[in-house]
Structures are given as structure tokens and as C-alpha cells.
N, C-alpha and C. Protein backbone atom coordinates (compact mmCIF):
# COMPACT_ATOMS: atom_id res chain seq x y z
N MET A 1 27.15 179.30 92.60
CA MET A 1 27.60 178.47 91.52
C MET A 1 28.09 179.42 90.43
N ALA A 2 29.24 179.10 89.86
CA ALA A 2 29.82 180.00 88.87
C ALA A 2 30.44 179.21 87.72
N THR A 3 30.54 179.88 86.57
CA THR A 3 31.10 179.28 85.38
C THR A 3 31.88 180.32 84.58
N THR A 4 32.76 179.86 83.74
CA THR A 4 33.44 180.75 82.81
C THR A 4 32.79 180.69 81.43
N ALA A 5 31.67 179.95 81.31
CA ALA A 5 30.95 179.88 80.03
C ALA A 5 30.47 181.28 79.66
N THR A 6 30.26 181.50 78.40
CA THR A 6 29.92 182.81 77.86
C THR A 6 28.73 183.45 78.56
N TRP A 7 28.94 184.67 79.07
CA TRP A 7 27.88 185.44 79.69
C TRP A 7 26.88 185.84 78.62
N GLY A 8 25.60 185.83 78.95
CA GLY A 8 24.56 186.21 78.01
C GLY A 8 23.99 185.04 77.22
N GLN A 9 24.66 183.90 77.25
CA GLN A 9 24.16 182.70 76.59
C GLN A 9 23.47 181.82 77.64
N THR A 10 22.35 181.23 77.28
CA THR A 10 21.61 180.41 78.23
C THR A 10 22.36 179.13 78.55
N LYS A 11 22.42 178.84 79.83
CA LYS A 11 23.01 177.60 80.35
C LYS A 11 22.14 177.15 81.51
N THR A 12 22.23 175.90 81.90
CA THR A 12 21.41 175.40 83.00
C THR A 12 22.30 175.07 84.19
N PHE A 13 22.01 175.72 85.31
CA PHE A 13 22.70 175.48 86.57
C PHE A 13 21.86 174.47 87.36
N THR A 14 22.48 173.41 87.84
CA THR A 14 21.78 172.40 88.64
C THR A 14 22.58 172.15 89.91
N LEU A 15 21.88 172.15 91.04
CA LEU A 15 22.50 171.84 92.33
C LEU A 15 21.80 170.62 92.92
N LEU A 16 22.61 169.63 93.31
CA LEU A 16 22.09 168.42 93.94
C LEU A 16 22.69 168.29 95.34
N VAL A 17 21.90 167.77 96.26
CA VAL A 17 22.38 167.42 97.59
C VAL A 17 22.14 165.93 97.74
N ASP A 18 23.22 165.19 97.92
CA ASP A 18 23.13 163.72 98.04
C ASP A 18 22.34 163.11 96.88
N ARG A 19 22.64 163.56 95.67
CA ARG A 19 22.04 163.07 94.43
C ARG A 19 20.58 163.46 94.23
N THR A 20 20.04 164.35 95.08
CA THR A 20 18.67 164.84 94.91
C THR A 20 18.74 166.28 94.41
N THR A 21 18.10 166.55 93.28
CA THR A 21 18.12 167.90 92.72
C THR A 21 17.33 168.85 93.60
N ILE A 22 17.97 169.95 94.01
CA ILE A 22 17.24 170.97 94.77
C ILE A 22 17.04 172.23 93.94
N LEU A 23 17.75 172.35 92.81
CA LEU A 23 17.57 173.48 91.92
C LEU A 23 18.06 173.10 90.53
N SER A 24 17.29 173.44 89.52
CA SER A 24 17.74 173.34 88.14
C SER A 24 17.13 174.52 87.41
N GLN A 25 18.00 175.44 86.98
CA GLN A 25 17.49 176.71 86.47
C GLN A 25 18.27 177.19 85.26
N PRO A 26 17.55 177.51 84.17
CA PRO A 26 18.22 178.15 83.04
C PRO A 26 18.60 179.57 83.46
N TYR A 27 19.76 180.04 82.97
CA TYR A 27 20.26 181.33 83.40
C TYR A 27 21.24 181.83 82.36
N THR A 28 21.28 183.15 82.12
CA THR A 28 22.20 183.70 81.12
C THR A 28 23.47 184.28 81.73
N GLY A 29 23.49 184.47 83.04
CA GLY A 29 24.67 185.02 83.71
C GLY A 29 25.74 183.97 83.91
N SER A 30 26.79 184.36 84.62
CA SER A 30 27.89 183.43 84.86
C SER A 30 27.96 182.99 86.33
N THR A 31 27.23 183.67 87.23
CA THR A 31 27.22 183.30 88.64
C THR A 31 25.77 183.29 89.13
N LEU A 32 25.36 182.19 89.73
CA LEU A 32 24.01 182.07 90.27
C LEU A 32 24.10 181.82 91.76
N TRP A 33 23.54 182.72 92.55
CA TRP A 33 23.56 182.61 94.01
C TRP A 33 22.26 181.99 94.48
N ILE A 34 22.35 181.01 95.38
CA ILE A 34 21.15 180.43 95.97
C ILE A 34 21.39 180.24 97.47
N THR A 35 20.31 180.05 98.20
CA THR A 35 20.38 179.74 99.62
C THR A 35 19.92 178.30 99.80
N TRP A 36 20.72 177.51 100.49
CA TRP A 36 20.38 176.12 100.76
C TRP A 36 19.96 176.02 102.22
N ASP A 37 18.75 175.58 102.48
CA ASP A 37 18.22 175.43 103.84
C ASP A 37 18.71 174.10 104.42
N THR A 38 19.78 174.16 105.22
CA THR A 38 20.37 172.94 105.77
C THR A 38 19.49 172.28 106.82
N ALA A 39 18.45 172.97 107.28
CA ALA A 39 17.53 172.37 108.26
C ALA A 39 16.72 171.24 107.64
N LYS A 40 16.72 171.16 106.32
CA LYS A 40 15.95 170.11 105.63
C LYS A 40 16.72 168.81 105.47
N VAL A 41 17.98 168.78 105.94
CA VAL A 41 18.77 167.55 105.89
C VAL A 41 19.26 167.23 107.30
N SER A 42 19.64 165.98 107.50
CA SER A 42 20.15 165.57 108.81
C SER A 42 21.57 166.11 109.03
N ASN A 43 21.96 166.21 110.28
CA ASN A 43 23.33 166.57 110.59
C ASN A 43 24.26 165.49 110.05
N GLY A 44 25.45 165.87 109.66
CA GLY A 44 26.42 164.92 109.15
C GLY A 44 26.97 165.36 107.80
N THR A 45 27.65 164.46 107.14
CA THR A 45 28.30 164.76 105.87
C THR A 45 27.32 164.58 104.71
N HIS A 46 27.32 165.56 103.82
CA HIS A 46 26.46 165.53 102.62
C HIS A 46 27.32 165.92 101.42
N THR A 47 26.90 165.46 100.25
CA THR A 47 27.62 165.78 99.03
C THR A 47 26.82 166.79 98.21
N LEU A 48 27.44 167.94 97.95
CA LEU A 48 26.86 168.94 97.05
C LEU A 48 27.45 168.72 95.68
N THR A 49 26.60 168.67 94.68
CA THR A 49 27.06 168.49 93.29
C THR A 49 26.52 169.63 92.46
N PHE A 50 27.38 170.27 91.70
CA PHE A 50 27.01 171.34 90.78
C PHE A 50 27.19 170.82 89.37
N ARG A 51 26.15 170.97 88.57
CA ARG A 51 26.22 170.61 87.15
C ARG A 51 25.89 171.84 86.32
N LEU A 52 26.64 172.03 85.29
CA LEU A 52 26.38 173.11 84.35
C LEU A 52 26.23 172.50 82.98
N THR A 53 25.11 172.78 82.33
CA THR A 53 24.88 172.30 80.97
C THR A 53 24.86 173.50 80.04
N TYR A 54 25.70 173.43 79.00
CA TYR A 54 25.87 174.55 78.08
C TYR A 54 26.27 173.99 76.72
N ASN A 55 25.56 174.41 75.69
CA ASN A 55 25.85 173.95 74.33
C ASN A 55 25.87 172.43 74.21
N GLY A 56 24.96 171.77 74.92
CA GLY A 56 24.83 170.32 74.83
C GLY A 56 25.87 169.53 75.61
N GLN A 57 26.72 170.22 76.36
CA GLN A 57 27.74 169.53 77.17
C GLN A 57 27.48 169.82 78.64
N THR A 58 27.84 168.88 79.51
CA THR A 58 27.63 169.03 80.95
C THR A 58 28.95 168.86 81.68
N ALA A 59 29.21 169.81 82.58
CA ALA A 59 30.36 169.73 83.48
C ALA A 59 29.83 169.54 84.89
N THR A 60 30.51 168.72 85.69
CA THR A 60 30.06 168.39 87.04
C THR A 60 31.22 168.48 88.02
N THR A 61 30.93 169.01 89.20
CA THR A 61 31.90 169.00 90.28
C THR A 61 31.16 168.75 91.59
N SER A 62 31.82 168.11 92.54
CA SER A 62 31.19 167.76 93.83
C SER A 62 32.09 168.15 94.98
N GLU A 63 31.46 168.37 96.12
CA GLU A 63 32.18 168.72 97.34
C GLU A 63 31.42 168.16 98.54
N SER A 64 32.14 167.57 99.48
CA SER A 64 31.51 167.10 100.72
C SER A 64 31.48 168.24 101.72
N VAL A 65 30.34 168.38 102.40
CA VAL A 65 30.19 169.40 103.44
C VAL A 65 29.60 168.74 104.68
N VAL A 66 29.92 169.29 105.84
CA VAL A 66 29.37 168.78 107.09
C VAL A 66 28.32 169.76 107.57
N VAL A 67 27.11 169.23 107.84
CA VAL A 67 26.00 170.04 108.33
C VAL A 67 25.84 169.78 109.82
N SER A 68 25.72 170.88 110.57
CA SER A 68 25.49 170.78 112.01
C SER A 68 24.48 171.86 112.39
N ASN A 69 23.21 171.48 112.45
CA ASN A 69 22.14 172.43 112.77
C ASN A 69 21.92 172.49 114.27
């Protein structure tokens, strides 16, 4: 997950899978790497949503992915 928001300033990175939060973490960097264990979801199409909260504003983007374990 990445942002162009100011590096060094605290922002909250949130990752959701099918509207369920799997990570919500305050962070001062601009790129946060995580590992998503796809074995915890069923095979098929899932929606990943990234939310970034910074200075009281939230930006959101989503992407559909196909899981095949």
C-alpha cells in the first residue's frame, strides 16, 4: 500500500478484504508492505480495499482479485 502523502507524518493505512478489516496501522512512511494469507479466504473473486486516513481525510481505492489456493 502506498501514498504520496507527506513522509514522516502519521497516517493510518487500512486494508480490507470483502469489507472485513485485516489491517489498520498508523505509519509515518509512504509505503507499507504486508502479506495477505489467501488460505484464510475461499477460492474465487474477492475485493481488496485500501483506505488511507491523513489529516482528518480518508482516501479509498478498491480492486477485485481472484484467489485460487
